[in-house]
Protein backbone atom coordinates (compact mmCIF):
# COMPACT_ATOMS: atom_id res chain seq x y z
CA ASP A 1 13.50 1.47 -15.20
CA GLU A 2 14.81 -0.41 -12.15
CA GLU A 3 12.16 1.18 -9.92
CA VAL A 4 9.34 -0.54 -11.85
CA SER A 5 8.23 -3.87 -10.43
CA SER A 6 5.14 -5.95 -9.83
CA VAL A 7 3.51 -7.18 -6.66
CA GLY A 8 1.08 -10.08 -6.58
CA ILE A 9 -1.23 -10.99 -3.73
CA THR A 10 -3.01 -14.33 -3.57
CA THR A 11 -5.12 -15.39 -0.63
CA PRO A 12 -7.92 -17.95 -0.23
CA GLY A 13 -11.42 -17.29 1.08
CA ASP A 14 -13.77 -14.33 1.10
CA LEU A 15 -13.14 -10.64 1.64
CA ASP A 16 -15.33 -8.22 3.54
CA SER A 17 -16.46 -5.73 0.87
CA LYS A 18 -16.32 -2.70 3.18
CA ARG A 19 -12.78 -3.48 4.37
CA PHE A 20 -11.60 -4.26 0.83
CA ASN A 21 -13.01 -0.96 -0.48
CA GLN A 22 -11.36 0.95 2.38
CA TRP A 23 -8.02 -0.76 1.69
CA MET A 24 -8.19 -0.06 -2.05
CA SER A 25 -9.19 3.55 -1.42
CA GLN A 26 -6.28 4.09 0.96
CA LEU A 27 -3.87 2.33 -1.41
CA LEU A 28 -4.92 4.52 -4.34
CA GLN A 29 -4.71 7.68 -2.24
CA THR A 30 -1.20 6.91 -1.04
CA LYS A 31 0.29 5.05 -4.02
CA GLY A 32 -2.03 5.89 -6.92
CA THR A 33 0.54 7.87 -8.88
CA ASP A 34 3.05 5.01 -8.56
CA ILE A 35 0.61 2.29 -9.66
CA PHE A 36 0.73 2.01 -13.44
CA ARG A 37 -1.63 -0.96 -13.78
CA MET A 38 -3.66 -3.21 -11.51
CA LYS A 39 -6.06 -6.06 -12.01
CA GLY A 40 -7.59 -8.81 -10.00
CA ILE A 41 -10.31 -11.28 -9.17
CA VAL A 42 -11.72 -11.23 -5.66
CA SER A 43 -14.24 -13.22 -3.69
CA ILE A 44 -16.64 -10.99 -1.76
CA ALA A 45 -18.38 -12.56 1.24
CA GLY A 46 -22.06 -13.21 0.61
CA ARG A 47 -21.78 -12.86 -3.18
CA PRO A 48 -21.97 -15.93 -5.45
CA GLU A 49 -20.06 -14.29 -8.32
CA ARG A 50 -16.44 -13.33 -8.75
CA PHE A 51 -15.64 -9.62 -8.70
CA VAL A 52 -13.13 -8.56 -11.35
CA PHE A 53 -11.38 -5.23 -11.46
CA GLN A 54 -8.72 -3.35 -13.34
CA GLY A 55 -7.22 0.06 -13.07
CA VAL A 56 -4.62 2.50 -14.29
CA HIS A 57 -3.07 4.90 -11.77
CA MET A 58 -5.97 6.18 -9.67
CA LEU A 59 -8.71 5.05 -12.07
CA PHE A 60 -10.47 1.89 -10.87
CA ASP A 61 -13.23 -0.09 -12.54
CA GLY A 62 -14.82 -3.30 -11.33
CA ARG A 63 -17.85 -5.46 -11.94
CA PRO A 64 -19.40 -8.81 -11.00
CA ASP A 65 -18.33 -11.70 -13.21
CA ARG A 66 -19.42 -15.34 -13.47
CA ASN A 67 -20.38 -17.38 -10.40
CA TRP A 68 -17.68 -19.21 -8.48
CA GLY A 69 -19.58 -22.48 -8.68
CA ALA A 70 -17.43 -25.38 -7.43
CA GLU A 71 -14.20 -23.42 -7.98
CA PRO A 72 -12.34 -22.63 -4.72
CA ARG A 73 -12.98 -19.02 -3.69
CA ARG A 74 -9.78 -16.97 -3.71
CA ASN A 75 -8.38 -13.50 -4.26
CA GLN A 76 -5.70 -12.68 -6.81
CA LEU A 77 -4.44 -9.12 -7.24
CA ILE A 78 -1.57 -7.83 -9.37
CA PHE A 79 -0.05 -4.35 -9.19
CA ILE A 80 2.57 -3.01 -11.58
CA GLY A 81 4.26 0.25 -10.74
CA ARG A 82 7.12 2.19 -9.28
CA ASN A 83 8.46 1.87 -5.72
CA LEU A 84 6.01 -0.88 -4.71
CA ASP A 85 6.73 -2.92 -1.61
């Protein structure tokens, strides 16, 4: 299907958890039926551990993972779906 593509987002630093949750909520409300699969690792400000998540359509699951340690803090998100921009 030519409408199916992937979008990757990579950005350094920490994310504000409230703003990230609002963004994900809005994204799933507006594009949830077009998102087939998503996964990522994010760095939440004030948290020593990585936050990993995955999802299918509008179902989202996430949990704390191992500590960042000396690894540079960054955010990597991948979305696979239809009509993504």
